[in-house]
Amino acid sequence: MTALGPLIAEIQSCRICADRFAATETAHKPRPVVRVRKHAPVLIIGQAPGARVYESGIPFDDRSGDRLRDWLGVERDAFYDRDLFSIMPMAFCFPGYDARKSDLPPPPICAKTWHKELRAELAPEITLLVGGYAQKREFGSAAKGGVTATVSAWRDHAPRRFPLPHPSWRNTGWIRKNPWFEAELLPELRQRVKEVLYAKRNSD
């Protein structure tokens, strides 16, 4: 098994999508963004870095991150504490925009190349599956009903795994249409996160 440090270095130097990104509307270069530590109690598997994260190199360094931190009930300092939170997307690089300036999906080759080996090095207490791409990879056929069906079945996976919608502000309408998400899932999630962070802080 590959040690975590060298594996992260391999991911950060990955250029397998260089030609793909050069052909996008943004014509950008690869810049993998990954922040993981073996015994961080919370693992967040998201979609892919956006344009702002591409510039900063900091995952969820945008309004979506603000909403996600609110969902978890944590402050920014705790969220970016590598001993508490590991963050790995389905694609480590910003996929770019198409000709209509819309976000391109995460290239599947990224997760196929790196996820199995990286997940084997991590030992989280909770894994958060943020968005449909992460849920399909984690749950397989159980996620074929789409994000709404998968997230509404969150009790089937808790307390170790929580499927979540993407925290994009574009999903505000979805949240309004599904009040159970804020009324039922989020309180359980916040309590679970609070418990594992408390346990981690008091074990160090």
N, C-alpha and C. Protein backbone atom coordinates (compact mmCIF):
# COMPACT_ATOMS: atom_id res chain seq x y z
N MET A 1 0.85 -1.20 0.00
CA MET A 1 0.00 0.00 0.00
C MET A 1 0.89 1.26 0.00
N THR A 2 0.52 2.20 -0.82
CA THR A 2 1.29 3.44 -0.92
C THR A 2 1.09 4.31 0.30
N ALA A 3 2.16 4.88 0.84
CA ALA A 3 2.05 5.79 1.98
C ALA A 3 1.30 7.04 1.54
N LEU A 4 0.61 7.66 2.48
CA LEU A 4 -0.26 8.78 2.14
C LEU A 4 0.51 9.97 1.59
N GLY A 5 1.62 10.33 2.21
CA GLY A 5 2.36 11.50 1.75
C GLY A 5 2.78 11.40 0.29
N PRO A 6 3.48 10.33 -0.11
CA PRO A 6 3.86 10.18 -1.52
C PRO A 6 2.65 10.11 -2.45
N LEU A 7 1.55 9.52 -1.98
CA LEU A 7 0.35 9.44 -2.82
C LEU A 7 -0.23 10.82 -3.08
N ILE A 8 -0.28 11.66 -2.06
CA ILE A 8 -0.75 13.04 -2.25
C ILE A 8 0.15 13.77 -3.23
N ALA A 9 1.46 13.56 -3.11
CA ALA A 9 2.39 14.21 -4.03
C ALA A 9 2.14 13.76 -5.47
N GLU A 10 1.82 12.48 -5.66
CA GLU A 10 1.51 11.97 -6.99
C GLU A 10 0.26 12.65 -7.55
N ILE A 11 -0.77 12.77 -6.70
CA ILE A 11 -2.01 13.41 -7.15
C ILE A 11 -1.76 14.86 -7.51
N GLN A 12 -0.99 15.55 -6.70
CA GLN A 12 -0.74 16.97 -6.94
C GLN A 12 0.08 17.21 -8.20
N SER A 13 0.83 16.22 -8.63
CA SER A 13 1.62 16.36 -9.85
C SER A 13 0.92 15.74 -11.07
N CYS A 14 -0.29 15.25 -10.90
CA CYS A 14 -1.01 14.57 -11.98
C CYS A 14 -1.31 15.56 -13.11
N ARG A 15 -1.11 15.10 -14.35
CA ARG A 15 -1.38 15.93 -15.53
C ARG A 15 -2.14 15.14 -16.61
N ILE A 16 -2.84 14.09 -16.20
CA ILE A 16 -3.49 13.23 -17.19
C ILE A 16 -4.61 13.94 -17.95
N CYS A 17 -5.12 15.04 -17.40
CA CYS A 17 -6.19 15.77 -18.08
C CYS A 17 -5.71 17.06 -18.74
N ALA A 18 -4.41 17.21 -18.90
CA ALA A 18 -3.87 18.47 -19.44
C ALA A 18 -4.45 18.79 -20.81
N ASP A 19 -4.50 17.81 -21.70
CA ASP A 19 -5.04 18.06 -23.04
C ASP A 19 -6.53 18.35 -23.00
N ARG A 20 -7.24 17.64 -22.12
CA ARG A 20 -8.68 17.86 -21.96
C ARG A 20 -8.96 19.29 -21.51
N PHE A 21 -8.22 19.77 -20.52
CA PHE A 21 -8.44 21.12 -20.01
C PHE A 21 -8.02 22.19 -21.03
N ALA A 22 -6.96 21.92 -21.76
CA ALA A 22 -6.52 22.88 -22.78
C ALA A 22 -7.56 23.09 -23.86
N ALA A 23 -8.42 22.10 -24.06
CA ALA A 23 -9.45 22.17 -25.10
C ALA A 23 -10.75 22.80 -24.60
N THR A 24 -10.83 23.16 -23.32
CA THR A 24 -12.04 23.78 -22.80
C THR A 24 -12.05 25.26 -23.09
N GLU A 25 -13.18 25.91 -22.82
CA GLU A 25 -13.30 27.35 -23.03
C GLU A 25 -12.30 28.11 -22.17
N THR A 26 -11.99 27.58 -21.00
CA THR A 26 -11.05 28.25 -20.09
C THR A 26 -9.59 27.97 -20.43
N ALA A 27 -9.33 26.90 -21.19
CA ALA A 27 -7.97 26.56 -21.64
C ALA A 27 -6.96 26.63 -20.49
N HIS A 28 -7.33 26.06 -19.35
CA HIS A 28 -6.49 26.16 -18.16
C HIS A 28 -5.60 24.92 -18.00
N LYS A 29 -4.65 25.03 -17.09
CA LYS A 29 -3.76 23.93 -16.80
C LYS A 29 -4.26 23.17 -15.57
N PRO A 30 -3.88 21.91 -15.41
CA PRO A 30 -4.27 21.15 -14.22
C PRO A 30 -3.74 21.80 -12.95
N ARG A 31 -4.57 21.79 -11.91
CA ARG A 31 -4.12 22.20 -10.58
C ARG A 31 -4.89 21.38 -9.55
N PRO A 32 -4.43 20.17 -9.26
CA PRO A 32 -5.15 19.30 -8.32
C PRO A 32 -5.25 19.92 -6.93
N VAL A 33 -6.42 19.83 -6.34
CA VAL A 33 -6.68 20.35 -5.00
C VAL A 33 -7.13 19.18 -4.13
N VAL A 34 -6.30 18.82 -3.15
CA VAL A 34 -6.63 17.72 -2.23
C VAL A 34 -6.08 18.05 -0.86
N ARG A 35 -6.91 17.86 0.17
CA ARG A 35 -6.49 18.11 1.56
C ARG A 35 -6.99 16.93 2.39
N VAL A 36 -6.10 16.01 2.69
CA VAL A 36 -6.51 14.83 3.45
C VAL A 36 -5.47 14.50 4.51
N ARG A 37 -5.94 13.87 5.56
CA ARG A 37 -5.06 13.34 6.61
C ARG A 37 -5.70 12.04 7.10
N LYS A 38 -4.88 11.05 7.35
CA LYS A 38 -5.37 9.69 7.58
C LYS A 38 -6.46 9.60 8.65
N HIS A 39 -6.25 10.23 9.80
CA HIS A 39 -7.18 10.05 10.90
C HIS A 39 -8.11 11.23 11.12
N ALA A 40 -8.28 12.08 10.12
CA ALA A 40 -9.29 13.12 10.24
C ALA A 40 -10.66 12.44 10.32
N PRO A 41 -11.49 12.79 11.30
CA PRO A 41 -12.74 12.06 11.52
C PRO A 41 -13.83 12.30 10.47
N VAL A 42 -13.73 13.41 9.72
CA VAL A 42 -14.74 13.71 8.71
C VAL A 42 -14.09 13.75 7.34
N LEU A 43 -14.64 12.97 6.41
CA LEU A 43 -14.19 12.98 5.03
C LEU A 43 -15.31 13.54 4.16
N ILE A 44 -15.00 14.57 3.38
CA ILE A 44 -15.96 15.17 2.47
C ILE A 44 -15.56 14.82 1.04
N ILE A 45 -16.44 14.13 0.34
CA ILE A 45 -16.21 13.83 -1.07
C ILE A 45 -17.17 14.68 -1.88
N GLY A 46 -16.62 15.68 -2.54
CA GLY A 46 -17.44 16.62 -3.29
C GLY A 46 -17.42 16.34 -4.78
N GLN A 47 -17.62 17.38 -5.57
CA GLN A 47 -17.73 17.22 -7.01
C GLN A 47 -16.41 17.55 -7.71
N ALA A 48 -16.07 18.83 -7.77
CA ALA A 48 -14.81 19.27 -8.38
C ALA A 48 -14.60 20.72 -8.00
N PRO A 49 -13.37 21.18 -7.96
CA PRO A 49 -13.13 22.60 -7.67
C PRO A 49 -13.77 23.50 -8.72
N GLY A 50 -14.28 24.64 -8.29
CA GLY A 50 -14.77 25.65 -9.21
C GLY A 50 -13.65 26.61 -9.58
N ALA A 51 -14.00 27.64 -10.34
CA ALA A 51 -13.00 28.59 -10.81
C ALA A 51 -12.30 29.31 -9.66
N ARG A 52 -13.06 29.68 -8.64
CA ARG A 52 -12.46 30.39 -7.51
C ARG A 52 -11.50 29.50 -6.74
N VAL A 53 -11.88 28.24 -6.55
CA VAL A 53 -11.00 27.29 -5.86
C VAL A 53 -9.76 27.02 -6.71
N TYR A 54 -9.92 27.00 -8.01
CA TYR A 54 -8.77 26.84 -8.90
C TYR A 54 -7.73 27.94 -8.66
N GLU A 55 -8.21 29.15 -8.43
CA GLU A 55 -7.31 30.27 -8.20
C GLU A 55 -6.65 30.22 -6.82
N SER A 56 -7.44 29.87 -5.80
CA SER A 56 -6.93 29.90 -4.42
C SER A 56 -6.23 28.62 -3.99
N GLY A 57 -6.64 27.49 -4.59
CA GLY A 57 -6.11 26.20 -4.16
C GLY A 57 -6.70 25.71 -2.85
N ILE A 58 -7.77 26.37 -2.38
CA ILE A 58 -8.41 26.02 -1.11
C ILE A 58 -9.81 25.46 -1.39
N PRO A 59 -10.09 24.21 -1.05
CA PRO A 59 -11.40 23.63 -1.37
C PRO A 59 -12.55 24.33 -0.65
N PHE A 60 -13.66 24.46 -1.33
CA PHE A 60 -14.86 25.11 -0.79
C PHE A 60 -14.58 26.53 -0.31
N ASP A 61 -13.69 27.20 -1.00
CA ASP A 61 -13.36 28.59 -0.67
C ASP A 61 -14.28 29.52 -1.47
N ASP A 62 -15.58 29.35 -1.25
CA ASP A 62 -16.57 30.10 -2.02
C ASP A 62 -17.90 30.08 -1.27
N ARG A 63 -18.95 30.59 -1.87
CA ARG A 63 -20.25 30.65 -1.19
C ARG A 63 -20.81 29.25 -0.92
N SER A 64 -20.50 28.30 -1.80
CA SER A 64 -20.92 26.93 -1.54
C SER A 64 -20.29 26.41 -0.25
N GLY A 65 -19.02 26.76 -0.04
CA GLY A 65 -18.35 26.36 1.19
C GLY A 65 -18.98 26.99 2.41
N ASP A 66 -19.41 28.26 2.29
CA ASP A 66 -20.10 28.92 3.40
C ASP A 66 -21.36 28.16 3.78
N ARG A 67 -22.10 27.75 2.78
CA ARG A 67 -23.34 27.01 3.06
C ARG A 67 -23.04 25.63 3.63
N LEU A 68 -22.03 24.96 3.10
CA LEU A 68 -21.68 23.64 3.62
C LEU A 68 -21.25 23.73 5.08
N ARG A 69 -20.45 24.73 5.42
CA ARG A 69 -20.04 24.89 6.82
C ARG A 69 -21.23 25.16 7.73
N ASP A 70 -22.20 25.90 7.23
CA ASP A 70 -23.42 26.13 7.99
C ASP A 70 -24.18 24.82 8.19
N TRP A 71 -24.26 24.01 7.15
CA TRP A 71 -24.93 22.72 7.27
C TRP A 71 -24.26 21.86 8.35
N LEU A 72 -22.93 21.93 8.42
CA LEU A 72 -22.20 21.09 9.37
C LEU A 72 -22.14 21.69 10.76
N GLY A 73 -22.43 22.98 10.86
CA GLY A 73 -22.37 23.65 12.16
C GLY A 73 -20.95 23.87 12.63
N VAL A 74 -20.03 24.16 11.69
CA VAL A 74 -18.63 24.38 12.05
C VAL A 74 -18.15 25.72 11.51
N GLU A 75 -17.16 26.28 12.18
CA GLU A 75 -16.54 27.51 11.73
C GLU A 75 -15.45 27.21 10.70
N ARG A 76 -15.04 28.25 10.00
CA ARG A 76 -14.05 28.09 8.93
C ARG A 76 -12.74 27.50 9.46
N ASP A 77 -12.27 27.94 10.63
CA ASP A 77 -11.00 27.45 11.17
C ASP A 77 -11.05 25.94 11.39
N ALA A 78 -12.14 25.45 11.94
CA ALA A 78 -12.28 24.01 12.17
C ALA A 78 -12.36 23.26 10.85
N PHE A 79 -13.10 23.82 9.91
CA PHE A 79 -13.30 23.17 8.61
C PHE A 79 -11.97 22.95 7.90
N TYR A 80 -11.05 23.89 8.04
CA TYR A 80 -9.78 23.77 7.35
C TYR A 80 -8.66 23.19 8.23
N ASP A 81 -9.03 22.65 9.37
CA ASP A 81 -8.08 21.93 10.22
C ASP A 81 -7.92 20.53 9.65
N ARG A 82 -6.76 20.23 9.11
CA ARG A 82 -6.55 18.95 8.44
C ARG A 82 -6.68 17.76 9.39
N ASP A 83 -6.52 18.00 10.69
CA ASP A 83 -6.69 16.91 11.65
C ASP A 83 -8.17 16.58 11.88
N LEU A 84 -9.06 17.46 11.40
CA LEU A 84 -10.49 17.26 11.61
C LEU A 84 -11.23 16.90 10.33
N PHE A 85 -10.87 17.56 9.23
CA PHE A 85 -11.60 17.36 7.97
C PHE A 85 -10.65 17.00 6.84
N SER A 86 -10.95 15.92 6.16
CA SER A 86 -10.31 15.60 4.88
C SER A 86 -11.28 15.97 3.77
N ILE A 87 -10.75 16.52 2.68
CA ILE A 87 -11.60 16.97 1.57
C ILE A 87 -11.01 16.44 0.27
N MET A 88 -11.78 15.61 -0.43
CA MET A 88 -11.34 15.08 -1.72
C MET A 88 -12.54 15.09 -2.67
N PRO A 89 -12.41 15.74 -3.82
CA PRO A 89 -13.51 15.78 -4.77
C PRO A 89 -13.49 14.59 -5.73
N MET A 90 -14.54 14.45 -6.51
CA MET A 90 -14.57 13.41 -7.53
C MET A 90 -13.54 13.68 -8.62
N ALA A 91 -13.23 14.94 -8.86
CA ALA A 91 -12.13 15.32 -9.73
C ALA A 91 -11.33 16.38 -8.99
N PHE A 92 -10.04 16.20 -8.90
CA PHE A 92 -9.21 17.09 -8.09
C PHE A 92 -8.96 18.44 -8.75
N CYS A 93 -9.16 18.53 -10.06
CA CYS A 93 -8.93 19.77 -10.79
C CYS A 93 -10.23 20.41 -11.23
N PHE A 94 -10.20 21.71 -11.41
CA PHE A 94 -11.30 22.46 -12.02
C PHE A 94 -11.51 21.93 -13.44
N PRO A 95 -12.71 21.41 -13.77
CA PRO A 95 -12.92 20.84 -15.11
C PRO A 95 -13.00 21.88 -16.22
N GLY A 96 -13.27 23.15 -15.87
CA GLY A 96 -13.38 24.20 -16.87
C GLY A 96 -14.81 24.48 -17.28
N TYR A 97 -14.96 25.39 -18.22
CA TYR A 97 -16.27 25.76 -18.75
C TYR A 97 -16.40 25.30 -20.19
N ASP A 98 -17.66 25.10 -20.59
CA ASP A 98 -17.92 24.84 -22.01
C ASP A 98 -18.14 26.17 -22.73
N ALA A 99 -18.53 26.12 -23.99
CA ALA A 99 -18.67 27.34 -24.79
C ALA A 99 -19.77 28.25 -24.27
N ARG A 100 -20.70 27.71 -23.47
CA ARG A 100 -21.79 28.52 -22.89
C ARG A 100 -21.44 29.03 -21.50
N LYS A 101 -20.18 28.85 -21.10
CA LYS A 101 -19.69 29.29 -19.78
C LYS A 101 -20.31 28.49 -18.63
N SER A 102 -20.75 27.28 -18.95
CA SER A 102 -21.30 26.39 -17.92
C SER A 102 -20.21 25.45 -17.42
N ASP A 103 -20.33 25.05 -16.15
CA ASP A 103 -19.34 24.14 -15.58
C ASP A 103 -19.37 22.79 -16.30
N LEU A 104 -18.22 22.29 -16.65
CA LEU A 104 -18.12 20.95 -17.19
C LEU A 104 -18.15 19.93 -16.05
N PRO A 105 -18.60 18.71 -16.30
CA PRO A 105 -18.63 17.70 -15.23
C PRO A 105 -17.22 17.23 -14.88
N PRO A 106 -17.06 16.66 -13.70
CA PRO A 106 -15.74 16.12 -13.34
C PRO A 106 -15.36 14.96 -14.25
N PRO A 107 -14.18 14.95 -14.83
CA PRO A 107 -13.77 13.83 -15.68
C PRO A 107 -13.71 12.53 -14.88
N PRO A 108 -14.40 11.48 -15.31
CA PRO A 108 -14.41 10.21 -14.55
C PRO A 108 -13.04 9.60 -14.34
N ILE A 109 -12.09 9.90 -15.24
CA ILE A 109 -10.77 9.28 -15.14
C ILE A 109 -10.07 9.64 -13.84
N CYS A 110 -10.41 10.79 -13.26
CA CYS A 110 -9.74 11.22 -12.04
C CYS A 110 -10.06 10.26 -10.88
N ALA A 111 -11.35 10.06 -10.64
CA ALA A 111 -11.74 9.15 -9.55
C ALA A 111 -11.27 7.72 -9.83
N LYS A 112 -11.35 7.29 -11.08
CA LYS A 112 -10.92 5.94 -11.44
C LYS A 112 -9.43 5.75 -11.18
N THR A 113 -8.68 6.80 -11.37
CA THR A 113 -7.22 6.71 -11.20
C THR A 113 -6.80 6.76 -9.74
N TRP A 114 -7.47 7.61 -8.94
CA TRP A 114 -6.93 7.92 -7.62
C TRP A 114 -7.78 7.52 -6.41
N HIS A 115 -9.09 7.42 -6.57
CA HIS A 115 -9.94 7.32 -5.37
C HIS A 115 -9.74 6.03 -4.58
N LYS A 116 -9.67 4.91 -5.23
CA LYS A 116 -9.56 3.64 -4.49
C LYS A 116 -8.31 3.62 -3.62
N GLU A 117 -7.20 4.03 -4.19
CA GLU A 117 -5.95 4.02 -3.44
C GLU A 117 -5.96 5.05 -2.32
N LEU A 118 -6.52 6.21 -2.59
CA LEU A 118 -6.55 7.25 -1.56
C LEU A 118 -7.51 6.88 -0.44
N ARG A 119 -8.68 6.38 -0.78
CA ARG A 119 -9.64 5.98 0.27
C ARG A 119 -9.06 4.91 1.18
N ALA A 120 -8.24 4.03 0.63
CA ALA A 120 -7.65 2.95 1.43
C ALA A 120 -6.70 3.49 2.49
N GLU A 121 -6.22 4.73 2.31
CA GLU A 121 -5.29 5.33 3.26
C GLU A 121 -5.99 6.15 4.34
N LEU A 122 -7.30 6.35 4.22
CA LEU A 122 -8.02 7.21 5.14
C LEU A 122 -8.90 6.40 6.08
N ALA A 123 -9.12 6.94 7.28
CA ALA A 123 -9.92 6.22 8.28
C ALA A 123 -10.91 7.17 8.95
N PRO A 124 -11.86 7.72 8.19
CA PRO A 124 -12.81 8.68 8.76
C PRO A 124 -13.90 8.00 9.59
N GLU A 125 -14.48 8.76 10.50
CA GLU A 125 -15.66 8.30 11.24
C GLU A 125 -16.94 8.59 10.46
N ILE A 126 -16.92 9.69 9.69
CA ILE A 126 -18.08 10.09 8.89
C ILE A 126 -17.59 10.40 7.48
N THR A 127 -18.34 9.96 6.48
CA THR A 127 -18.07 10.33 5.09
C THR A 127 -19.29 11.05 4.54
N LEU A 128 -19.07 12.25 4.02
CA LEU A 128 -20.15 13.05 3.43
C LEU A 128 -20.05 12.96 1.92
N LEU A 129 -21.12 12.52 1.28
CA LEU A 129 -21.17 12.40 -0.17
C LEU A 129 -21.95 13.59 -0.72
N VAL A 130 -21.23 14.56 -1.24
CA VAL A 130 -21.84 15.83 -1.62
C VAL A 130 -22.08 15.86 -3.13
N GLY A 131 -23.35 15.72 -3.52
CA GLY A 131 -23.72 15.78 -4.93
C GLY A 131 -23.84 14.41 -5.56
N GLY A 132 -24.48 14.41 -6.73
CA GLY A 132 -24.81 13.16 -7.40
C GLY A 132 -23.62 12.34 -7.86
N TYR A 133 -22.54 12.98 -8.29
CA TYR A 133 -21.38 12.22 -8.77
C TYR A 133 -20.77 11.38 -7.66
N ALA A 134 -20.61 11.97 -6.48
CA ALA A 134 -20.05 11.24 -5.35
C ALA A 134 -20.99 10.12 -4.90
N GLN A 135 -22.28 10.40 -4.91
CA GLN A 135 -23.26 9.41 -4.46
C GLN A 135 -23.33 8.21 -5.40
N LYS A 136 -23.25 8.46 -6.70
CA LYS A 136 -23.29 7.35 -7.66
C LYS A 136 -22.07 6.46 -7.51
N ARG A 137 -20.92 7.05 -7.25
CA ARG A 137 -19.72 6.23 -7.09
C ARG A 137 -19.77 5.44 -5.79
N GLU A 138 -20.28 6.06 -4.73
CA GLU A 138 -20.31 5.40 -3.42
C GLU A 138 -21.41 4.34 -3.32
N PHE A 139 -22.59 4.67 -3.82
CA PHE A 139 -23.75 3.80 -3.62
C PHE A 139 -24.13 2.97 -4.84
N GLY A 140 -23.52 3.25 -5.99
CA GLY A 140 -23.81 2.48 -7.19
C GLY A 140 -25.27 2.55 -7.58
N SER A 141 -25.88 1.40 -7.80
CA SER A 141 -27.26 1.34 -8.27
C SER A 141 -28.23 1.95 -7.27
N ALA A 142 -27.86 2.03 -6.01
CA ALA A 142 -28.75 2.61 -5.00
C ALA A 142 -28.94 4.11 -5.20
N ALA A 143 -28.08 4.73 -6.02
CA ALA A 143 -28.19 6.17 -6.26
C ALA A 143 -28.80 6.49 -7.63
N LYS A 144 -29.32 5.49 -8.32
CA LYS A 144 -29.84 5.71 -9.65
C LYS A 144 -31.12 6.54 -9.66
N GLY A 145 -31.77 6.67 -8.53
CA GLY A 145 -32.99 7.47 -8.47
C GLY A 145 -32.73 8.95 -8.45
N GLY A 146 -31.46 9.36 -8.42
CA GLY A 146 -31.11 10.77 -8.41
C GLY A 146 -30.82 11.28 -7.01
N VAL A 147 -30.40 12.54 -6.94
CA VAL A 147 -29.98 13.14 -5.67
C VAL A 147 -31.13 13.19 -4.67
N THR A 148 -32.31 13.60 -5.10
CA THR A 148 -33.42 13.73 -4.16
C THR A 148 -33.74 12.40 -3.50
N ALA A 149 -33.83 11.34 -4.30
CA ALA A 149 -34.14 10.01 -3.75
C ALA A 149 -33.02 9.53 -2.84
N THR A 150 -31.78 9.77 -3.24
CA THR A 150 -30.63 9.30 -2.45
C THR A 150 -30.54 10.04 -1.13
N VAL A 151 -30.68 11.36 -1.17
CA VAL A 151 -30.58 12.14 0.07
C VAL A 151 -31.77 11.85 0.98
N SER A 152 -32.95 11.65 0.41
CA SER A 152 -34.12 11.37 1.25
C SER A 152 -34.00 10.03 1.97
N ALA A 153 -33.13 9.15 1.45
CA ALA A 153 -32.89 7.85 2.10
C ALA A 153 -31.66 7.90 3.00
N TRP A 154 -31.34 9.07 3.51
CA TRP A 154 -30.10 9.24 4.29
C TRP A 154 -30.04 8.34 5.51
N ARG A 155 -31.18 8.01 6.09
CA ARG A 155 -31.18 7.15 7.29
C ARG A 155 -30.66 5.75 6.99
N ASP A 156 -30.72 5.35 5.72
CA ASP A 156 -30.21 4.03 5.35
C ASP A 156 -28.68 3.97 5.46
N HIS A 157 -28.04 5.11 5.49
CA HIS A 157 -26.57 5.17 5.47
C HIS A 157 -25.97 5.75 6.75
N ALA A 158 -26.74 6.56 7.47
CA ALA A 158 -26.26 7.16 8.71
C ALA A 158 -26.05 6.06 9.77
N PRO A 159 -25.15 6.29 10.73
CA PRO A 159 -24.47 7.54 11.04
C PRO A 159 -23.07 7.69 10.43
N ARG A 160 -22.64 6.72 9.61
CA ARG A 160 -21.27 6.78 9.08
C ARG A 160 -21.18 7.48 7.73
N ARG A 161 -22.28 7.48 6.99
CA ARG A 161 -22.27 8.15 5.68
C ARG A 161 -23.53 9.01 5.56
N PHE A 162 -23.34 10.21 5.01
CA PHE A 162 -24.45 11.13 4.81
C PHE A 162 -24.43 11.65 3.37
N PRO A 163 -25.42 11.30 2.55
CA PRO A 163 -25.53 11.92 1.23
C PRO A 163 -26.14 13.31 1.36
N LEU A 164 -25.56 14.27 0.66
CA LEU A 164 -26.03 15.65 0.72
C LEU A 164 -26.18 16.21 -0.69
N PRO A 165 -27.09 17.15 -0.89
CA PRO A 165 -27.11 17.86 -2.17
C PRO A 165 -25.89 18.75 -2.26
N HIS A 166 -25.58 19.21 -3.46
CA HIS A 166 -24.47 20.15 -3.56
C HIS A 166 -24.88 21.46 -2.87
N PRO A 167 -23.99 22.09 -2.10
CA PRO A 167 -24.37 23.31 -1.37
C PRO A 167 -24.40 24.57 -2.23
N SER A 168 -24.37 24.42 -3.54
CA SER A 168 -24.48 25.57 -4.43
C SER A 168 -25.75 26.36 -4.14
N TRP A 169 -25.66 27.67 -4.27
CA TRP A 169 -26.85 28.51 -4.06
C TRP A 169 -27.88 28.29 -5.14
N ARG A 170 -27.51 27.62 -6.22
CA ARG A 170 -28.47 27.25 -7.24
C ARG A 170 -29.47 26.22 -6.71
N ASN A 171 -29.11 25.56 -5.61
CA ASN A 171 -29.99 24.54 -5.04
C ASN A 171 -30.91 25.08 -3.95
N THR A 172 -31.00 26.40 -3.83
CA THR A 172 -31.89 26.99 -2.83
C THR A 172 -33.33 26.55 -3.06
N GLY A 173 -33.74 26.50 -4.32
CA GLY A 173 -35.09 26.03 -4.63
C GLY A 173 -35.32 24.60 -4.20
N TRP A 174 -34.32 23.75 -4.39
CA TRP A 174 -34.43 22.35 -3.97
C TRP A 174 -34.64 22.26 -2.47
N ILE A 175 -33.90 23.06 -1.72
CA ILE A 175 -34.02 23.04 -0.26
C ILE A 175 -35.42 23.47 0.18
N ARG A 176 -35.96 24.47 -0.48
CA ARG A 176 -37.31 24.92 -0.15
C ARG A 176 -38.36 23.86 -0.46
N LYS A 177 -38.13 23.12 -1.52
CA LYS A 177 -39.09 22.08 -1.92
C LYS A 177 -38.98 20.83 -1.05
N ASN A 178 -37.89 20.71 -0.33
CA ASN A 178 -37.65 19.52 0.49
C ASN A 178 -37.35 19.94 1.93
N PRO A 179 -38.35 20.44 2.66
CA PRO A 179 -38.11 20.98 4.01
C PRO A 179 -37.57 19.95 5.00
N TRP A 180 -37.78 18.68 4.72
CA TRP A 180 -37.27 17.63 5.60
C TRP A 180 -35.74 17.68 5.69
N PHE A 181 -35.09 18.22 4.65
CA PHE A 181 -33.63 18.27 4.66
C PHE A 181 -33.11 19.11 5.82
N GLU A 182 -33.65 20.30 5.99
CA GLU A 182 -33.22 21.17 7.09
C GLU A 182 -33.84 20.76 8.42
N ALA A 183 -35.05 20.20 8.37
CA ALA A 183 -35.75 19.87 9.61
C ALA A 183 -35.29 18.55 10.23
N GLU A 184 -34.87 17.60 9.39
CA GLU A 184 -34.56 16.27 9.90
C GLU A 184 -33.10 15.86 9.70
N LEU A 185 -32.61 16.01 8.46
CA LEU A 185 -31.25 15.55 8.19
C LEU A 185 -30.20 16.43 8.85
N LEU A 186 -30.30 17.75 8.68
CA LEU A 186 -29.24 18.63 9.18
C LEU A 186 -29.04 18.56 10.70
N PRO A 187 -30.09 18.53 11.51
CA PRO A 187 -29.84 18.40 12.96
C PRO A 187 -29.09 17.12 13.31
N GLU A 188 -29.42 16.03 12.63
CA GLU A 188 -28.73 14.77 12.89
C GLU A 188 -27.27 14.86 12.44
N LEU A 189 -27.05 15.47 11.29
CA LEU A 189 -25.69 15.62 10.78
C LEU A 189 -24.85 16.49 11.71
N ARG A 190 -25.39 17.63 12.12
CA ARG A 190 -24.64 18.53 13.00
C ARG A 190 -24.28 17.85 14.32
N GLN A 191 -25.21 17.09 14.87
CA GLN A 191 -24.94 16.40 16.12
C GLN A 191 -23.84 15.35 15.95
N ARG A 192 -23.90 14.64 14.85
CA ARG A 192 -22.90 13.61 14.57
C ARG A 192 -21.52 14.23 14.38
N VAL A 193 -21.46 15.32 13.63
CA VAL A 193 -20.19 16.02 13.42
C VAL A 193 -19.65 16.53 14.75
N LYS A 194 -20.52 17.10 15.56
CA LYS A 194 -20.12 17.62 16.87
C LYS A 194 -19.51 16.50 17.72
N GLU A 195 -20.13 15.33 17.69
CA GLU A 195 -19.66 14.20 18.49
C GLU A 195 -18.26 13.74 18.06
N VAL A 196 -18.06 13.58 16.75
CA VAL A 196 -16.77 13.04 16.32
C VAL A 196 -15.65 14.08 16.45
N LEU A 197 -15.99 15.36 16.27
CA LEU A 197 -14.96 16.38 16.47
C LEU A 197 -14.58 16.50 17.94
N TYR A 198 -15.57 16.39 18.82
CA TYR A 198 -15.29 16.42 20.26
C TYR A 198 -14.40 15.25 20.66
N ALA A 199 -14.73 14.06 20.13
CA ALA A 199 -13.94 12.87 20.46
C ALA A 199 -12.51 13.02 19.95
N LYS A 200 -12.35 13.57 18.76
CA LYS A 200 -11.01 13.74 18.19
C LYS A 200 -10.19 14.72 19.02
N ARG A 201 -10.79 15.85 19.35
CA ARG A 201 -10.06 16.87 20.10
C ARG A 201 -9.65 16.38 21.48
N ASN A 202 -10.44 15.51 22.06
CA ASN A 202 -10.14 15.03 23.40
C ASN A 202 -9.29 13.77 23.41
N SER A 203 -8.98 13.26 22.23
CA SER A 203 -8.10 12.09 22.16
C SER A 203 -6.67 12.47 21.84
N ASP A 204 -6.46 13.70 21.38
CA ASP A 204 -5.12 14.16 21.00
C ASP A 204 -4.34 14.70 22.20
